[in-house]
N, C-alpha and C. Protein backbone atom coordinates (compact mmCIF):
# COMPACT_ATOMS: atom_id res chain seq x y z
N MET A 1 29.80 15.80 -12.92
CA MET A 1 28.34 15.78 -12.72
C MET A 1 27.90 17.12 -12.13
N ASN A 2 26.85 17.66 -12.68
CA ASN A 2 26.40 19.00 -12.29
C ASN A 2 25.49 18.94 -11.05
N TRP A 3 26.13 18.87 -9.87
CA TRP A 3 25.35 18.78 -8.63
C TRP A 3 24.67 20.10 -8.28
N SER A 4 25.07 21.18 -8.94
CA SER A 4 24.43 22.47 -8.66
C SER A 4 22.96 22.47 -9.07
N TRP A 5 22.57 21.47 -9.87
CA TRP A 5 21.15 21.37 -10.26
C TRP A 5 20.26 21.25 -9.04
N ILE A 6 20.73 20.56 -7.99
CA ILE A 6 19.90 20.29 -6.80
C ILE A 6 19.51 21.57 -6.07
N PRO A 7 20.47 22.41 -5.62
CA PRO A 7 20.05 23.63 -4.90
C PRO A 7 19.25 24.59 -5.77
N ARG A 8 19.43 24.52 -7.08
CA ARG A 8 18.68 25.42 -7.98
C ARG A 8 17.24 24.96 -8.20
N ASN A 9 16.94 23.73 -7.78
CA ASN A 9 15.60 23.18 -8.06
C ASN A 9 14.95 22.60 -6.80
N LEU A 10 15.28 23.16 -5.65
CA LEU A 10 14.72 22.65 -4.39
C LEU A 10 13.20 22.75 -4.34
N ASP A 11 12.65 23.84 -4.88
CA ASP A 11 11.18 24.00 -4.87
C ASP A 11 10.52 22.90 -5.69
N LEU A 12 11.08 22.61 -6.85
CA LEU A 12 10.54 21.54 -7.69
C LEU A 12 10.65 20.19 -7.00
N ILE A 13 11.80 19.94 -6.40
CA ILE A 13 12.01 18.66 -5.70
C ILE A 13 11.01 18.50 -4.57
N GLY A 14 10.80 19.57 -3.80
CA GLY A 14 9.85 19.51 -2.69
C GLY A 14 8.43 19.26 -3.17
N GLU A 15 8.04 19.94 -4.24
CA GLU A 15 6.69 19.77 -4.80
C GLU A 15 6.48 18.34 -5.29
N LEU A 16 7.46 17.81 -6.01
CA LEU A 16 7.33 16.44 -6.54
C LEU A 16 7.35 15.41 -5.41
N THR A 17 8.10 15.69 -4.35
CA THR A 17 8.16 14.76 -3.22
C THR A 17 6.80 14.65 -2.53
N VAL A 18 6.18 15.80 -2.28
CA VAL A 18 4.85 15.81 -1.65
C VAL A 18 3.84 15.09 -2.56
N GLN A 19 3.91 15.38 -3.85
CA GLN A 19 3.00 14.74 -4.79
C GLN A 19 3.22 13.22 -4.82
N HIS A 20 4.47 12.82 -4.78
CA HIS A 20 4.81 11.39 -4.79
C HIS A 20 4.23 10.70 -3.56
N LEU A 21 4.35 11.34 -2.41
CA LEU A 21 3.87 10.74 -1.16
C LEU A 21 2.37 10.49 -1.20
N TRP A 22 1.60 11.50 -1.61
CA TRP A 22 0.15 11.29 -1.56
C TRP A 22 -0.32 10.34 -2.66
N LEU A 23 0.37 10.34 -3.81
CA LEU A 23 0.02 9.38 -4.85
C LEU A 23 0.31 7.94 -4.41
N ALA A 24 1.31 7.76 -3.55
CA ALA A 24 1.67 6.41 -3.10
C ALA A 24 0.87 5.97 -1.87
N LEU A 25 0.60 6.90 -0.96
CA LEU A 25 0.01 6.51 0.33
C LEU A 25 -1.52 6.52 0.33
N LEU A 26 -2.14 7.40 -0.45
CA LEU A 26 -3.60 7.39 -0.52
C LEU A 26 -4.12 6.04 -0.99
N PRO A 27 -3.52 5.41 -2.01
CA PRO A 27 -3.99 4.08 -2.41
C PRO A 27 -3.82 3.02 -1.32
N VAL A 28 -2.83 3.18 -0.46
CA VAL A 28 -2.65 2.22 0.64
C VAL A 28 -3.86 2.30 1.59
N LEU A 29 -4.27 3.52 1.91
CA LEU A 29 -5.42 3.71 2.78
C LEU A 29 -6.70 3.20 2.12
N LEU A 30 -6.91 3.56 0.87
CA LEU A 30 -8.11 3.11 0.15
C LEU A 30 -8.10 1.60 -0.02
N GLY A 31 -6.93 1.04 -0.33
CA GLY A 31 -6.82 -0.40 -0.50
C GLY A 31 -7.14 -1.15 0.78
N LEU A 32 -6.71 -0.61 1.92
CA LEU A 32 -7.01 -1.23 3.20
C LEU A 32 -8.51 -1.24 3.46
N VAL A 33 -9.17 -0.11 3.17
CA VAL A 33 -10.62 0.00 3.37
C VAL A 33 -11.37 -1.03 2.54
N VAL A 34 -10.89 -1.27 1.32
CA VAL A 34 -11.55 -2.25 0.44
C VAL A 34 -11.18 -3.68 0.82
N ALA A 35 -9.92 -3.90 1.17
CA ALA A 35 -9.42 -5.26 1.41
C ALA A 35 -9.98 -5.90 2.68
N VAL A 36 -10.20 -5.11 3.72
CA VAL A 36 -10.68 -5.68 4.99
C VAL A 36 -12.02 -6.39 4.84
N PRO A 37 -13.05 -5.74 4.29
CA PRO A 37 -14.33 -6.47 4.12
C PRO A 37 -14.21 -7.65 3.16
N LEU A 38 -13.39 -7.53 2.12
CA LEU A 38 -13.21 -8.65 1.19
C LEU A 38 -12.55 -9.83 1.91
N ALA A 39 -11.57 -9.54 2.74
CA ALA A 39 -10.90 -10.61 3.51
C ALA A 39 -11.87 -11.25 4.50
N TRP A 40 -12.73 -10.43 5.09
CA TRP A 40 -13.73 -10.97 6.03
C TRP A 40 -14.67 -11.93 5.30
N ILE A 41 -15.12 -11.53 4.11
CA ILE A 41 -15.98 -12.40 3.31
C ILE A 41 -15.24 -13.70 2.96
N ALA A 42 -13.97 -13.57 2.64
CA ALA A 42 -13.18 -14.74 2.25
C ALA A 42 -13.05 -15.75 3.39
N THR A 43 -13.08 -15.27 4.63
CA THR A 43 -12.95 -16.18 5.77
C THR A 43 -14.29 -16.80 6.17
N ARG A 44 -15.36 -16.27 5.64
CA ARG A 44 -16.68 -16.77 6.03
C ARG A 44 -17.22 -17.82 5.06
N ALA A 45 -16.69 -17.85 3.84
CA ALA A 45 -17.16 -18.81 2.84
C ALA A 45 -15.97 -19.33 2.06
N ARG A 46 -15.74 -20.64 2.13
CA ARG A 46 -14.56 -21.23 1.49
C ARG A 46 -14.56 -21.00 -0.02
N ALA A 47 -15.74 -21.11 -0.66
CA ALA A 47 -15.82 -20.90 -2.10
C ALA A 47 -15.47 -19.46 -2.46
N MET A 48 -15.97 -18.50 -1.66
CA MET A 48 -15.69 -17.10 -1.91
C MET A 48 -14.21 -16.80 -1.68
N ARG A 49 -13.60 -17.51 -0.73
CA ARG A 49 -12.17 -17.31 -0.47
C ARG A 49 -11.36 -17.63 -1.72
N THR A 50 -11.66 -18.76 -2.33
CA THR A 50 -10.93 -19.16 -3.53
C THR A 50 -11.11 -18.15 -4.65
N ILE A 51 -12.36 -17.71 -4.84
CA ILE A 51 -12.65 -16.76 -5.91
C ILE A 51 -11.96 -15.42 -5.66
N LEU A 52 -12.11 -14.89 -4.44
CA LEU A 52 -11.57 -13.57 -4.13
C LEU A 52 -10.05 -13.54 -4.18
N ILE A 53 -9.42 -14.53 -3.56
CA ILE A 53 -7.96 -14.54 -3.52
C ILE A 53 -7.38 -14.77 -4.91
N THR A 54 -8.01 -15.64 -5.68
CA THR A 54 -7.54 -15.87 -7.05
C THR A 54 -7.71 -14.61 -7.90
N ALA A 55 -8.88 -13.99 -7.79
CA ALA A 55 -9.16 -12.80 -8.60
C ALA A 55 -8.23 -11.64 -8.25
N THR A 56 -8.07 -11.39 -6.95
CA THR A 56 -7.20 -10.27 -6.54
C THR A 56 -5.74 -10.57 -6.86
N GLY A 57 -5.35 -11.84 -6.76
CA GLY A 57 -3.99 -12.21 -7.12
C GLY A 57 -3.70 -11.97 -8.59
N LEU A 58 -4.68 -12.24 -9.43
CA LEU A 58 -4.51 -12.02 -10.87
C LEU A 58 -4.38 -10.53 -11.19
N LEU A 59 -5.05 -9.69 -10.41
CA LEU A 59 -4.98 -8.26 -10.65
C LEU A 59 -3.55 -7.75 -10.54
N TYR A 60 -2.78 -8.36 -9.64
CA TYR A 60 -1.41 -7.88 -9.42
C TYR A 60 -0.49 -8.23 -10.59
N THR A 61 -0.92 -9.14 -11.45
CA THR A 61 -0.09 -9.52 -12.59
C THR A 61 -0.24 -8.57 -13.77
N VAL A 62 -1.24 -7.68 -13.70
CA VAL A 62 -1.43 -6.72 -14.80
C VAL A 62 -0.30 -5.70 -14.77
N PRO A 63 0.43 -5.48 -15.86
CA PRO A 63 1.52 -4.50 -15.87
C PRO A 63 1.02 -3.11 -15.50
N SER A 64 1.78 -2.42 -14.65
CA SER A 64 1.33 -1.13 -14.13
C SER A 64 1.13 -0.09 -15.22
N LEU A 65 2.03 -0.04 -16.19
CA LEU A 65 1.89 0.96 -17.26
C LEU A 65 0.65 0.70 -18.09
N ALA A 66 0.40 -0.59 -18.38
CA ALA A 66 -0.79 -0.93 -19.15
C ALA A 66 -2.06 -0.56 -18.40
N LEU A 67 -2.06 -0.77 -17.09
CA LEU A 67 -3.23 -0.44 -16.27
C LEU A 67 -3.47 1.06 -16.25
N ILE A 68 -2.39 1.84 -16.08
CA ILE A 68 -2.53 3.30 -16.04
C ILE A 68 -3.05 3.84 -17.37
N VAL A 69 -2.62 3.25 -18.47
CA VAL A 69 -3.08 3.69 -19.79
C VAL A 69 -4.52 3.26 -20.05
N MET A 70 -4.90 2.09 -19.51
CA MET A 70 -6.24 1.56 -19.76
C MET A 70 -7.31 2.23 -18.90
N LEU A 71 -6.96 2.63 -17.70
CA LEU A 71 -7.95 3.17 -16.76
C LEU A 71 -8.70 4.40 -17.27
N PRO A 72 -8.05 5.34 -17.99
CA PRO A 72 -8.82 6.48 -18.50
C PRO A 72 -10.00 6.07 -19.37
N LEU A 73 -9.85 4.97 -20.10
CA LEU A 73 -10.95 4.49 -20.94
C LEU A 73 -12.10 3.97 -20.09
N VAL A 74 -11.75 3.36 -18.95
CA VAL A 74 -12.76 2.80 -18.06
C VAL A 74 -13.41 3.89 -17.21
N LEU A 75 -12.59 4.82 -16.71
CA LEU A 75 -13.08 5.84 -15.79
C LEU A 75 -13.66 7.06 -16.52
N GLY A 76 -13.32 7.18 -17.81
CA GLY A 76 -13.80 8.33 -18.57
C GLY A 76 -13.12 9.63 -18.20
N ILE A 77 -11.84 9.58 -17.86
CA ILE A 77 -11.09 10.78 -17.49
C ILE A 77 -9.84 10.86 -18.36
N GLY A 78 -9.15 12.00 -18.31
CA GLY A 78 -7.94 12.19 -19.09
C GLY A 78 -6.80 11.34 -18.57
N ILE A 79 -5.87 10.98 -19.42
CA ILE A 79 -4.76 10.12 -19.02
C ILE A 79 -3.83 10.82 -18.05
N LEU A 80 -3.81 12.17 -18.05
CA LEU A 80 -2.95 12.91 -17.14
C LEU A 80 -3.60 13.17 -15.79
N ASN A 81 -4.80 12.65 -15.58
CA ASN A 81 -5.46 12.81 -14.29
C ASN A 81 -4.79 11.92 -13.25
N PRO A 82 -4.33 12.47 -12.11
CA PRO A 82 -3.67 11.66 -11.08
C PRO A 82 -4.54 10.53 -10.55
N LEU A 83 -5.86 10.64 -10.76
CA LEU A 83 -6.76 9.58 -10.31
C LEU A 83 -6.40 8.24 -10.95
N ASN A 84 -5.83 8.27 -12.13
CA ASN A 84 -5.43 7.02 -12.79
C ASN A 84 -4.40 6.26 -11.95
N VAL A 85 -3.41 6.98 -11.44
CA VAL A 85 -2.39 6.35 -10.61
C VAL A 85 -2.98 5.89 -9.29
N VAL A 86 -3.84 6.71 -8.69
CA VAL A 86 -4.45 6.36 -7.40
C VAL A 86 -5.28 5.08 -7.53
N VAL A 87 -6.10 4.99 -8.57
CA VAL A 87 -6.94 3.81 -8.76
C VAL A 87 -6.08 2.59 -9.06
N ALA A 88 -5.08 2.74 -9.91
CA ALA A 88 -4.21 1.62 -10.26
C ALA A 88 -3.49 1.07 -9.03
N LEU A 89 -2.94 1.95 -8.21
CA LEU A 89 -2.20 1.50 -7.03
C LEU A 89 -3.15 0.98 -5.94
N THR A 90 -4.37 1.49 -5.91
CA THR A 90 -5.36 0.94 -4.99
C THR A 90 -5.67 -0.51 -5.35
N ILE A 91 -5.79 -0.78 -6.64
CA ILE A 91 -6.03 -2.15 -7.11
C ILE A 91 -4.88 -3.07 -6.68
N TYR A 92 -3.65 -2.60 -6.88
CA TYR A 92 -2.49 -3.41 -6.48
C TYR A 92 -2.45 -3.62 -4.97
N THR A 93 -2.81 -2.60 -4.21
CA THR A 93 -2.82 -2.72 -2.75
C THR A 93 -3.85 -3.75 -2.29
N VAL A 94 -5.03 -3.70 -2.88
CA VAL A 94 -6.06 -4.69 -2.56
C VAL A 94 -5.56 -6.09 -2.89
N ALA A 95 -4.91 -6.23 -4.04
CA ALA A 95 -4.39 -7.53 -4.46
C ALA A 95 -3.39 -8.09 -3.45
N LEU A 96 -2.58 -7.20 -2.86
CA LEU A 96 -1.59 -7.64 -1.88
C LEU A 96 -2.21 -7.96 -0.52
N LEU A 97 -3.23 -7.18 -0.14
CA LEU A 97 -3.74 -7.26 1.23
C LEU A 97 -4.79 -8.33 1.47
N VAL A 98 -5.60 -8.64 0.48
CA VAL A 98 -6.73 -9.55 0.72
C VAL A 98 -6.24 -10.90 1.25
N ARG A 99 -5.26 -11.50 0.59
CA ARG A 99 -4.77 -12.80 1.03
C ARG A 99 -4.14 -12.72 2.43
N SER A 100 -3.31 -11.72 2.66
CA SER A 100 -2.61 -11.64 3.95
C SER A 100 -3.58 -11.41 5.10
N ILE A 101 -4.58 -10.54 4.89
CA ILE A 101 -5.55 -10.29 5.96
C ILE A 101 -6.43 -11.51 6.18
N ALA A 102 -6.83 -12.17 5.09
CA ALA A 102 -7.65 -13.39 5.23
C ALA A 102 -6.88 -14.47 5.99
N ASP A 103 -5.61 -14.64 5.69
CA ASP A 103 -4.79 -15.62 6.41
C ASP A 103 -4.66 -15.25 7.88
N ALA A 104 -4.51 -13.95 8.15
CA ALA A 104 -4.39 -13.49 9.54
C ALA A 104 -5.68 -13.75 10.31
N LEU A 105 -6.82 -13.51 9.67
CA LEU A 105 -8.10 -13.76 10.34
C LEU A 105 -8.31 -15.25 10.58
N ASP A 106 -7.89 -16.06 9.62
CA ASP A 106 -8.01 -17.51 9.80
C ASP A 106 -7.14 -18.02 10.94
N ALA A 107 -6.04 -17.28 11.22
CA ALA A 107 -5.11 -17.71 12.25
C ALA A 107 -5.54 -17.33 13.66
N VAL A 108 -6.61 -16.54 13.78
CA VAL A 108 -7.11 -16.19 15.12
C VAL A 108 -7.57 -17.46 15.82
N PRO A 109 -7.08 -17.74 17.02
CA PRO A 109 -7.44 -18.99 17.72
C PRO A 109 -8.95 -19.14 17.87
N GLN A 110 -9.44 -20.31 17.56
CA GLN A 110 -10.88 -20.56 17.66
C GLN A 110 -11.37 -20.44 19.09
N ALA A 111 -10.49 -20.69 20.04
CA ALA A 111 -10.88 -20.56 21.45
C ALA A 111 -11.21 -19.10 21.78
N VAL A 112 -10.46 -18.20 21.20
CA VAL A 112 -10.72 -16.77 21.43
C VAL A 112 -12.04 -16.37 20.79
N VAL A 113 -12.28 -16.85 19.57
CA VAL A 113 -13.54 -16.56 18.88
C VAL A 113 -14.72 -17.12 19.66
N ALA A 114 -14.58 -18.35 20.14
CA ALA A 114 -15.65 -18.99 20.91
C ALA A 114 -15.91 -18.24 22.21
N ALA A 115 -14.84 -17.78 22.87
CA ALA A 115 -15.00 -17.04 24.12
C ALA A 115 -15.75 -15.73 23.89
N ALA A 116 -15.41 -15.03 22.81
CA ALA A 116 -16.09 -13.78 22.50
C ALA A 116 -17.56 -14.01 22.18
N THR A 117 -17.84 -15.11 21.47
CA THR A 117 -19.23 -15.45 21.16
C THR A 117 -20.00 -15.77 22.43
N ALA A 118 -19.36 -16.50 23.34
CA ALA A 118 -20.01 -16.86 24.61
C ALA A 118 -20.28 -15.63 25.46
N MET A 119 -19.48 -14.58 25.28
CA MET A 119 -19.68 -13.35 26.04
C MET A 119 -20.78 -12.48 25.44
N GLY A 120 -21.38 -12.95 24.34
CA GLY A 120 -22.50 -12.22 23.75
C GLY A 120 -22.14 -11.29 22.61
N TYR A 121 -20.91 -11.39 22.11
CA TYR A 121 -20.50 -10.55 20.99
C TYR A 121 -21.26 -10.98 19.72
N THR A 122 -21.78 -10.00 19.00
CA THR A 122 -22.36 -10.29 17.69
C THR A 122 -21.20 -10.56 16.72
N PRO A 123 -21.47 -11.20 15.59
CA PRO A 123 -20.38 -11.46 14.63
C PRO A 123 -19.63 -10.20 14.22
N LEU A 124 -20.37 -9.10 13.99
CA LEU A 124 -19.71 -7.86 13.58
C LEU A 124 -18.86 -7.29 14.70
N ARG A 125 -19.42 -7.26 15.91
CA ARG A 125 -18.67 -6.72 17.04
C ARG A 125 -17.45 -7.59 17.34
N ARG A 126 -17.61 -8.90 17.22
CA ARG A 126 -16.50 -9.82 17.45
C ARG A 126 -15.38 -9.58 16.44
N PHE A 127 -15.79 -9.34 15.19
CA PHE A 127 -14.80 -9.09 14.14
C PHE A 127 -14.02 -7.81 14.42
N VAL A 128 -14.75 -6.73 14.77
CA VAL A 128 -14.11 -5.43 14.97
C VAL A 128 -13.28 -5.40 16.26
N ALA A 129 -13.81 -5.99 17.33
CA ALA A 129 -13.17 -5.86 18.63
C ALA A 129 -12.18 -6.97 18.95
N VAL A 130 -12.29 -8.11 18.30
CA VAL A 130 -11.45 -9.26 18.67
C VAL A 130 -10.60 -9.74 17.49
N GLU A 131 -11.25 -10.15 16.42
CA GLU A 131 -10.52 -10.78 15.31
C GLU A 131 -9.61 -9.80 14.58
N LEU A 132 -10.13 -8.63 14.23
CA LEU A 132 -9.34 -7.66 13.47
C LEU A 132 -8.12 -7.15 14.26
N PRO A 133 -8.26 -6.82 15.56
CA PRO A 133 -7.06 -6.42 16.31
C PRO A 133 -5.99 -7.50 16.35
N LEU A 134 -6.40 -8.76 16.47
CA LEU A 134 -5.41 -9.84 16.51
C LEU A 134 -4.74 -10.04 15.14
N ALA A 135 -5.39 -9.56 14.10
CA ALA A 135 -4.81 -9.67 12.76
C ALA A 135 -3.94 -8.46 12.39
N VAL A 136 -3.83 -7.50 13.31
CA VAL A 136 -3.08 -6.27 13.01
C VAL A 136 -1.63 -6.52 12.61
N PRO A 137 -0.87 -7.36 13.33
CA PRO A 137 0.55 -7.54 12.93
C PRO A 137 0.73 -7.99 11.49
N VAL A 138 -0.07 -8.96 11.06
CA VAL A 138 0.04 -9.43 9.67
C VAL A 138 -0.48 -8.37 8.71
N THR A 139 -1.53 -7.67 9.10
CA THR A 139 -2.07 -6.61 8.25
C THR A 139 -1.04 -5.50 8.04
N VAL A 140 -0.36 -5.11 9.11
CA VAL A 140 0.67 -4.07 9.01
C VAL A 140 1.82 -4.54 8.13
N ALA A 141 2.17 -5.82 8.23
CA ALA A 141 3.23 -6.36 7.37
C ALA A 141 2.83 -6.24 5.90
N GLY A 142 1.56 -6.52 5.60
CA GLY A 142 1.07 -6.37 4.24
C GLY A 142 1.06 -4.91 3.80
N LEU A 143 0.69 -4.02 4.72
CA LEU A 143 0.68 -2.59 4.40
C LEU A 143 2.09 -2.09 4.10
N ARG A 144 3.08 -2.60 4.84
CA ARG A 144 4.47 -2.19 4.59
C ARG A 144 4.91 -2.60 3.19
N VAL A 145 4.56 -3.80 2.80
CA VAL A 145 4.91 -4.26 1.45
C VAL A 145 4.22 -3.40 0.40
N ALA A 146 2.93 -3.14 0.61
CA ALA A 146 2.16 -2.35 -0.35
C ALA A 146 2.69 -0.92 -0.45
N ALA A 147 3.01 -0.32 0.69
CA ALA A 147 3.49 1.07 0.69
C ALA A 147 4.83 1.19 -0.03
N VAL A 148 5.75 0.29 0.27
CA VAL A 148 7.06 0.33 -0.38
C VAL A 148 6.92 0.06 -1.87
N SER A 149 6.05 -0.90 -2.22
CA SER A 149 5.81 -1.19 -3.63
C SER A 149 5.23 0.02 -4.36
N ASN A 150 4.29 0.70 -3.71
CA ASN A 150 3.67 1.88 -4.32
C ASN A 150 4.67 3.00 -4.54
N MET A 151 5.61 3.16 -3.61
CA MET A 151 6.63 4.19 -3.76
C MET A 151 7.39 4.01 -5.07
N SER A 152 7.62 2.77 -5.44
CA SER A 152 8.30 2.47 -6.69
C SER A 152 7.37 2.62 -7.89
N LEU A 153 6.15 2.10 -7.76
CA LEU A 153 5.23 2.08 -8.89
C LEU A 153 4.76 3.47 -9.30
N VAL A 154 4.72 4.41 -8.37
CA VAL A 154 4.29 5.78 -8.72
C VAL A 154 5.18 6.35 -9.82
N THR A 155 6.45 5.98 -9.82
CA THR A 155 7.38 6.54 -10.80
C THR A 155 7.00 6.15 -12.23
N VAL A 156 6.27 5.03 -12.38
CA VAL A 156 5.87 4.59 -13.72
C VAL A 156 4.95 5.62 -14.37
N GLY A 157 4.15 6.30 -13.54
CA GLY A 157 3.22 7.30 -14.08
C GLY A 157 3.92 8.42 -14.82
N ALA A 158 5.19 8.67 -14.49
CA ALA A 158 5.92 9.76 -15.17
C ALA A 158 6.10 9.48 -16.65
N ILE A 159 6.05 8.22 -17.04
CA ILE A 159 6.23 7.87 -18.45
C ILE A 159 5.12 8.47 -19.31
N VAL A 160 3.91 8.56 -18.74
CA VAL A 160 2.79 9.13 -19.49
C VAL A 160 2.52 10.57 -19.09
N GLY A 161 3.44 11.17 -18.31
CA GLY A 161 3.33 12.59 -17.98
C GLY A 161 2.73 12.91 -16.64
N LEU A 162 2.47 11.90 -15.81
CA LEU A 162 1.94 12.15 -14.47
C LEU A 162 3.07 12.54 -13.53
N GLY A 163 2.71 13.11 -12.38
CA GLY A 163 3.70 13.68 -11.48
C GLY A 163 4.42 12.68 -10.60
N GLY A 164 5.00 13.20 -9.54
CA GLY A 164 5.79 12.38 -8.64
C GLY A 164 7.26 12.45 -9.00
N LEU A 165 8.07 11.80 -8.20
CA LEU A 165 9.51 11.84 -8.38
C LEU A 165 9.97 11.17 -9.67
N GLY A 166 9.10 10.37 -10.27
CA GLY A 166 9.44 9.77 -11.56
C GLY A 166 9.70 10.82 -12.62
N ALA A 167 9.13 12.01 -12.44
CA ALA A 167 9.36 13.11 -13.39
C ALA A 167 10.83 13.48 -13.44
N LEU A 168 11.53 13.29 -12.32
CA LEU A 168 12.97 13.58 -12.31
C LEU A 168 13.73 12.59 -13.18
N PHE A 169 13.23 11.35 -13.24
CA PHE A 169 13.89 10.34 -14.09
C PHE A 169 13.75 10.72 -15.57
N THR A 170 12.52 10.95 -15.98
CA THR A 170 12.26 11.22 -17.40
C THR A 170 12.90 12.54 -17.84
N ASP A 171 12.77 13.57 -17.01
CA ASP A 171 13.34 14.86 -17.38
C ASP A 171 14.87 14.80 -17.38
N GLY A 172 15.43 14.13 -16.38
CA GLY A 172 16.88 14.02 -16.31
C GLY A 172 17.45 13.23 -17.47
N PHE A 173 16.72 12.21 -17.90
CA PHE A 173 17.17 11.41 -19.04
C PHE A 173 17.09 12.22 -20.33
N GLN A 174 15.97 12.92 -20.51
CA GLN A 174 15.78 13.69 -21.74
C GLN A 174 16.78 14.84 -21.86
N ARG A 175 17.13 15.45 -20.72
CA ARG A 175 18.02 16.61 -20.74
C ARG A 175 19.47 16.24 -20.38
N ASP A 176 19.70 14.94 -20.17
CA ASP A 176 21.05 14.45 -19.83
C ASP A 176 21.59 15.15 -18.58
N ILE A 177 20.80 15.05 -17.49
CA ILE A 177 21.22 15.61 -16.20
C ILE A 177 21.28 14.46 -15.19
N PRO A 178 22.40 13.78 -15.06
CA PRO A 178 22.50 12.63 -14.14
C PRO A 178 22.16 12.99 -12.70
N ALA A 179 22.51 14.19 -12.27
CA ALA A 179 22.23 14.60 -10.89
C ALA A 179 20.73 14.58 -10.61
N GLU A 180 19.92 14.93 -11.60
CA GLU A 180 18.47 14.93 -11.44
C GLU A 180 17.96 13.49 -11.29
N ILE A 181 18.49 12.60 -12.09
CA ILE A 181 18.08 11.19 -12.02
C ILE A 181 18.46 10.59 -10.67
N ILE A 182 19.71 10.83 -10.24
CA ILE A 182 20.19 10.28 -8.97
C ILE A 182 19.39 10.85 -7.81
N THR A 183 19.03 12.13 -7.88
CA THR A 183 18.20 12.75 -6.83
C THR A 183 16.87 12.04 -6.71
N GLY A 184 16.24 11.76 -7.85
CA GLY A 184 14.96 11.04 -7.82
C GLY A 184 15.09 9.66 -7.22
N ILE A 185 16.14 8.92 -7.60
CA ILE A 185 16.33 7.57 -7.09
C ILE A 185 16.53 7.59 -5.57
N VAL A 186 17.41 8.48 -5.11
CA VAL A 186 17.70 8.55 -3.68
C VAL A 186 16.46 8.93 -2.88
N LEU A 187 15.70 9.90 -3.38
CA LEU A 187 14.50 10.33 -2.65
C LEU A 187 13.45 9.23 -2.58
N VAL A 188 13.27 8.47 -3.66
CA VAL A 188 12.31 7.36 -3.63
C VAL A 188 12.74 6.33 -2.58
N LEU A 189 14.03 6.01 -2.54
CA LEU A 189 14.53 5.05 -1.57
C LEU A 189 14.35 5.55 -0.14
N VAL A 190 14.66 6.83 0.08
CA VAL A 190 14.54 7.40 1.42
C VAL A 190 13.07 7.43 1.86
N LEU A 191 12.17 7.84 0.96
CA LEU A 191 10.75 7.88 1.30
C LEU A 191 10.23 6.47 1.62
N ALA A 192 10.64 5.50 0.83
CA ALA A 192 10.21 4.12 1.09
C ALA A 192 10.68 3.66 2.45
N LEU A 193 11.92 3.98 2.80
CA LEU A 193 12.46 3.58 4.10
C LEU A 193 11.72 4.27 5.24
N LEU A 194 11.47 5.57 5.10
CA LEU A 194 10.78 6.32 6.16
C LEU A 194 9.35 5.83 6.35
N VAL A 195 8.66 5.57 5.26
CA VAL A 195 7.27 5.08 5.36
C VAL A 195 7.26 3.69 5.99
N ASP A 196 8.21 2.85 5.62
CA ASP A 196 8.28 1.51 6.18
C ASP A 196 8.51 1.57 7.69
N VAL A 197 9.43 2.42 8.12
CA VAL A 197 9.71 2.58 9.56
C VAL A 197 8.49 3.13 10.29
N ALA A 198 7.79 4.09 9.66
CA ALA A 198 6.60 4.69 10.28
C ALA A 198 5.50 3.65 10.46
N LEU A 199 5.29 2.81 9.46
CA LEU A 199 4.26 1.77 9.56
C LEU A 199 4.64 0.72 10.60
N LEU A 200 5.93 0.39 10.67
CA LEU A 200 6.38 -0.55 11.69
C LEU A 200 6.12 0.00 13.09
N ALA A 201 6.42 1.28 13.29
CA ALA A 201 6.17 1.91 14.59
C ALA A 201 4.68 1.97 14.89
N LEU A 202 3.87 2.26 13.86
CA LEU A 202 2.42 2.30 14.04
C LEU A 202 1.89 0.93 14.43
N GLY A 203 2.42 -0.11 13.79
CA GLY A 203 1.99 -1.46 14.11
C GLY A 203 2.35 -1.85 15.54
N ARG A 204 3.53 -1.45 15.98
CA ARG A 204 3.94 -1.75 17.36
C ARG A 204 3.08 -0.99 18.37
N ALA A 205 2.75 0.25 18.03
CA ALA A 205 1.91 1.05 18.93
C ALA A 205 0.49 0.48 19.03
N ALA A 206 0.02 -0.12 17.93
CA ALA A 206 -1.35 -0.66 17.89
C ALA A 206 -1.45 -2.05 18.52
N THR A 207 -0.31 -2.68 18.80
CA THR A 207 -0.33 -4.03 19.37
C THR A 207 0.59 -4.10 20.60
N PRO A 208 0.26 -3.36 21.65
CA PRO A 208 1.13 -3.36 22.84
C PRO A 208 1.24 -4.73 23.50
N TRP A 209 0.22 -5.59 23.30
CA TRP A 209 0.27 -6.92 23.93
C TRP A 209 1.40 -7.79 23.38
N THR A 210 1.83 -7.53 22.15
CA THR A 210 2.93 -8.32 21.59
C THR A 210 4.23 -8.01 22.29
N ARG A 211 4.41 -6.76 22.71
CA ARG A 211 5.64 -6.37 23.42
C ARG A 211 5.63 -6.92 24.83
N VAL A 212 4.44 -6.95 25.44
CA VAL A 212 4.32 -7.50 26.80
C VAL A 212 4.66 -8.98 26.77
N GLY A 213 4.13 -9.69 25.73
CA GLY A 213 4.42 -11.11 25.61
C GLY A 213 5.89 -11.38 25.39
N ALA A 214 6.53 -10.53 24.55
CA ALA A 214 7.95 -10.72 24.29
C ALA A 214 8.77 -10.45 25.52
N GLY A 215 8.36 -9.43 26.30
CA GLY A 215 9.08 -9.12 27.54
C GLY A 215 8.95 -10.23 28.55
N ALA A 216 7.76 -10.82 28.63
CA ALA A 216 7.55 -11.90 29.59
C ALA A 216 8.36 -13.12 29.20
N GLY A 217 8.47 -13.35 27.85
CA GLY A 217 9.21 -14.49 27.38
C GLY A 217 10.70 -14.35 27.64
N GLY A 218 11.21 -13.07 27.63
CA GLY A 218 12.63 -12.85 27.87
C GLY A 218 12.94 -12.93 29.32
């Protein structure tokens, strides 16, 4: 196996790695921004909950390659535009997050909600200051799933010529360079692991009360 391919192509590997990261993580951020208000609506009206969760769940069943190919027709842009991957993965992120965030908001103790209301919190302030923070652990768990999933799904874009580490798969296969393919696989796995660990640490930092509770319990 020609491992010398790696040191000769470090610039390309670095460029594709950075591209892969932003193509995978930007949709996570955008998906969170969209999913939070949708989850809030779902918790306020039972009929809307059924519609929203069913609709977003169905979106996740659409094959990623088909979605990436179809989006240029909807958005009116070229198929090689990275926006296709960003929009597709944002849709998948929303599909993953709406149910989990809605369930987390439903799990907030009613006594806590009632106490905040009695203290004069408006519904919006109560949601931002009380309900949403208590839903952070479940929300972060959903974000971890979405981020790791996106790391894998970005590689599908390489089939139609879009960037990211998936380009190492297609190029390595076409040119019969196993070292290039293995490099892409390893880097995707490492990035997924690092992002997962980073989100776990972020979730722990955002919920210090969970550590205090665990310490008191021990």
